[in-house]
Protein backbone atom coordinates (compact mmCIF):
# COMPACT_ATOMS: atom_id res chain seq x y z
CA MET A 1 -23.12 -10.17 14.61
CA GLU A 2 -23.12 -6.54 14.49
CA LYS A 3 -23.15 -4.51 11.40
CA GLY A 4 -19.92 -3.20 9.98
CA LYS A 5 -17.67 -5.38 12.50
CA LEU A 6 -15.29 -8.14 11.01
CA LYS A 7 -16.13 -11.50 11.93
CA LYS A 8 -12.79 -12.82 14.12
CA GLU A 9 -11.79 -16.21 14.67
CA LYS A 10 -9.33 -17.30 17.06
CA LEU A 11 -7.08 -20.03 15.44
CA SER A 12 -4.96 -22.06 17.97
CA TYR A 13 -1.15 -23.03 16.84
CA GLU A 14 -2.43 -26.52 15.67
CA ASP A 15 -5.53 -24.91 13.63
CA ASN A 16 -2.93 -22.94 11.91
CA SER A 17 -0.78 -25.84 11.55
CA GLU A 18 -3.53 -27.87 9.97
CA LEU A 19 -4.88 -25.08 7.87
CA LEU A 20 -1.46 -24.10 6.00
CA PRO A 21 -1.02 -27.46 3.99
CA LEU A 22 -4.53 -27.05 3.30
CA ALA A 23 -4.05 -23.48 1.74
CA LYS A 24 -0.71 -24.46 -0.05
CA GLY A 25 -2.72 -26.96 -1.57
CA GLY A 26 -5.02 -24.69 -2.88
CA SER A 27 -8.18 -24.61 -0.53
CA GLU A 28 -9.48 -20.95 -0.37
CA GLU A 29 -11.67 -21.60 2.64
CA ALA A 30 -8.09 -22.38 4.47
CA MET A 31 -6.51 -19.67 3.02
CA ASN A 32 -9.19 -17.09 3.70
CA ARG A 33 -9.38 -18.58 7.41
CA LEU A 34 -5.83 -18.00 7.79
CA ILE A 35 -5.72 -14.50 6.36
CA GLU A 36 -8.77 -13.44 8.51
CA ALA A 37 -7.32 -14.65 11.83
CA ASN A 38 -3.77 -13.47 11.11
CA LEU A 39 -4.41 -10.17 10.10
CA PRO A 40 -3.12 -8.34 13.14
CA LEU A 41 0.13 -10.55 13.00
CA VAL A 42 0.65 -9.91 9.29
CA THR A 43 -0.28 -6.25 9.53
CA SER A 44 2.44 -5.93 12.73
CA ILE A 45 5.30 -7.68 10.75
CA ARG A 46 4.47 -5.89 7.70
CA LYS A 47 4.97 -2.41 9.74
CA LYS A 48 8.14 -3.74 11.37
CA ILE A 49 9.50 -4.49 7.62
CA ILE A 50 8.49 -1.12 6.49
CA LYS A 51 10.18 0.42 9.50
CA SER A 52 13.53 -1.54 8.68
CA LEU A 53 13.52 -0.71 5.04
CA ALA A 54 12.99 2.94 5.74
CA LYS A 55 16.09 2.69 8.01
CA LYS A 56 18.02 1.10 5.42
CA LEU A 57 16.99 3.39 2.86
CA HIS A 58 18.00 6.44 5.19
CA PHE A 59 21.34 4.87 5.47
CA ASP A 60 21.53 4.53 1.65
CA LYS A 61 20.50 7.95 0.66
CA GLU A 62 23.10 9.38 3.20
CA ALA A 63 25.63 7.30 1.58
CA LEU A 64 24.72 7.85 -1.99
CA THR A 65 24.09 11.70 -1.19
CA LYS A 66 27.86 11.88 -0.05
CA LYS A 67 28.96 9.91 -3.31
CA LEU A 68 27.18 12.18 -5.83
CA ASN A 69 27.65 15.42 -3.59
CA ARG A 70 23.44 15.83 -4.21
CA ASP A 71 20.14 14.19 -3.05
CA PRO A 72 19.79 11.15 -5.48
CA SER A 73 16.55 10.48 -7.65
CA ILE A 74 14.06 7.62 -6.67
CA GLU A 75 15.96 5.88 -9.57
CA GLU A 76 19.70 6.27 -8.60
CA LEU A 77 18.35 5.00 -4.48
CA ALA A 78 16.60 1.94 -6.14
CA GLU A 79 19.59 0.99 -8.29
CA PHE A 80 22.20 1.37 -5.34
CA SER A 81 20.09 0.14 -2.81
CA GLY A 82 18.74 -2.98 -4.86
CA ILE A 83 15.14 -2.35 -4.30
CA ASP A 84 12.00 -1.50 -6.31
CA LYS A 85 11.26 2.46 -6.72
CA GLU A 86 7.70 1.51 -5.64
CA GLU A 87 8.88 -0.14 -2.36
CA ILE A 88 11.28 2.74 -1.88
CA LEU A 89 8.31 5.36 -2.28
CA PHE A 90 5.80 3.25 -0.13
CA ALA A 91 8.45 2.79 2.72
CA LEU A 92 9.44 6.28 2.32
CA GLU A 93 5.88 7.68 2.38
CA SER A 94 5.09 5.17 5.39
CA SER A 95 7.77 6.35 7.16
CA ALA A 96 7.77 10.07 6.86
CA SER A 97 5.37 13.07 6.80
CA MET A 98 3.45 13.85 4.15
CA GLN A 99 5.14 15.58 1.24
CA TYR A 100 3.62 17.26 -1.96
CA LEU A 101 4.99 16.71 -5.36
CA TYR A 102 5.42 20.62 -6.06
CA GLU A 103 6.96 21.39 -2.64
CA VAL A 104 10.42 22.82 -2.72
CA ILE A 105 12.86 20.45 -0.84
CA HIS A 106 15.94 22.61 -1.67
CA GLN A 107 17.73 25.27 -3.68
CA ASP A 108 20.19 24.68 -6.37
CA ASP A 109 22.31 27.59 -7.19
CA GLY A 110 19.59 29.64 -6.35
CA ALA A 111 16.67 27.54 -8.54
CA PRO A 112 14.28 25.84 -6.39
CA VAL A 113 14.18 22.00 -6.83
CA LEU A 114 10.76 20.23 -6.53
CA LEU A 115 10.24 16.91 -5.27
CA ILE A 116 8.91 16.02 -8.70
CA ASP A 117 11.73 16.82 -10.32
CA LYS A 118 13.57 13.69 -7.90
CA LEU A 119 11.07 11.33 -9.38
CA SER A 120 12.55 10.74 -13.05
CA GLU A 121 13.40 11.97 -16.31
CA ASN A 122 11.01 9.55 -18.04
CA ALA A 123 7.40 11.62 -18.25
CA GLU A 124 5.39 8.44 -18.94
CA GLU A 125 6.93 6.71 -16.02
CA ASP A 126 6.31 9.52 -13.58
CA LYS A 127 2.81 9.65 -14.73
CA ASN A 128 2.08 5.81 -13.82
CA LEU A 129 4.41 6.38 -10.48
CA THR A 130 1.94 9.65 -9.38
CA GLU A 131 -1.22 7.85 -10.15
CA ARG A 132 -0.04 4.94 -8.09
CA ILE A 133 0.85 7.13 -4.94
CA ALA A 134 -2.80 8.99 -5.71
CA LEU A 135 -4.47 5.75 -5.49
CA LYS A 136 -2.37 4.76 -2.33
CA GLU A 137 -3.87 8.23 -0.92
CA ALA A 138 -7.29 7.37 -2.11
CA LEU A 139 -7.16 3.99 -0.45
CA ASN A 140 -5.69 5.16 2.75
CA ASN A 141 -8.59 8.11 3.11
CA LEU A 142 -11.03 5.11 3.30
CA ASP A 143 -12.58 3.63 6.39
CA VAL A 144 -11.19 0.30 7.21
CA LYS A 145 -14.33 -1.74 5.89
CA SER A 146 -14.24 -0.23 2.46
CA ARG A 147 -10.95 -0.35 1.96
CA GLN A 148 -10.68 -3.98 2.96
CA ILE A 149 -13.38 -4.46 0.52
CA ILE A 150 -11.32 -2.68 -2.29
CA VAL A 151 -8.06 -4.34 -1.58
CA LEU A 152 -9.79 -7.93 -1.45
CA ARG A 153 -11.78 -7.21 -4.88
CA TYR A 154 -8.83 -5.60 -6.74
CA PHE A 155 -5.76 -6.69 -5.42
CA LYS A 156 -6.46 -9.78 -4.20
CA ASP A 157 -8.70 -10.95 -6.74
CA LYS A 158 -11.41 -12.07 -4.81
CA THR A 159 -14.94 -12.42 -5.86
CA GLN A 160 -17.79 -10.38 -4.06
CA ILE A 161 -19.22 -13.64 -2.75
CA GLN A 162 -15.61 -14.17 -1.07
CA VAL A 163 -15.52 -11.01 0.27
CA ALA A 164 -18.71 -11.37 1.94
CA LYS A 165 -18.07 -14.37 3.38
CA MET A 166 -14.69 -13.21 4.97
CA LEU A 167 -15.86 -9.79 6.64
CA GLY A 168 -19.40 -11.63 7.65
CA ILE A 169 -21.79 -9.47 5.52
CA SER A 170 -23.95 -10.25 2.73
CA GLN A 171 -22.65 -10.09 -1.32
CA VAL A 172 -25.39 -7.41 -1.71
CA GLN A 173 -23.74 -5.23 1.09
CA VAL A 174 -20.30 -5.78 -0.56
CA SER A 175 -21.70 -4.68 -4.05
CA ARG A 176 -23.04 -1.56 -2.55
CA ILE A 177 -19.97 -0.57 -0.58
CA GLU A 178 -17.71 -1.35 -3.68
CA LYS A 179 -19.94 0.77 -5.96
CA LYS A 180 -20.15 3.70 -3.75
CA VAL A 181 -16.43 3.67 -2.76
CA LEU A 182 -15.45 3.36 -6.21
CA LEU A 183 -17.44 6.48 -7.21
CA GLU A 184 -15.95 8.24 -4.49
CA MET A 185 -12.49 7.51 -5.03
CA ARG A 186 -13.00 8.25 -9.07
CA LYS A 187 -13.99 11.91 -7.87
CA GLN A 188 -11.21 12.04 -5.32
CA LEU A 189 -8.62 11.09 -8.12
CA ASP A 190 -10.35 13.27 -10.69
CA GLU A 191 -10.37 15.95 -8.52
CA GLY A 192 -6.76 15.24 -7.92
CA TRP A 193 -5.86 15.31 -11.31
CA THR A 194 -7.55 18.75 -12.53
């Protein structure tokens, strides 16, 4: 296998049907095979769901803007639509062009209203939300393999050995890539906060 290439396994409908009960029963090997083989499908479905969610949020935002006679905050939109703030931000971020927190989004009686003003009144909540957004940006700046390693290790709670098997590389390579990427991300996030 070429270095840096993902190991692809093609599963038939029957293979998937056999692996699903095993994965539900707790088989990590079956779960890993299903995830690995069906990642393009999952990614495609996820994109459609995000697009659909962004469309719903667009209409909800328009309705709420008319009701309030102003642009709603993320909290107001979350309450109105019944969707978590993080999901709203992720959908809006995925479907819109990049905006900066200190970008002027409109003038309110001559005073500029910044995007960060729309987040919330709770400073601690804003800080947590801002940190999560920065983390997503840092993850998006990684190459595919590095992003997969970080996501599998820290968001899917996989061991280095499990990640190595899924990606078709050695545990030592996973360790080296992970260490390098974490240092890069830490540096990038530190620069963003100073």
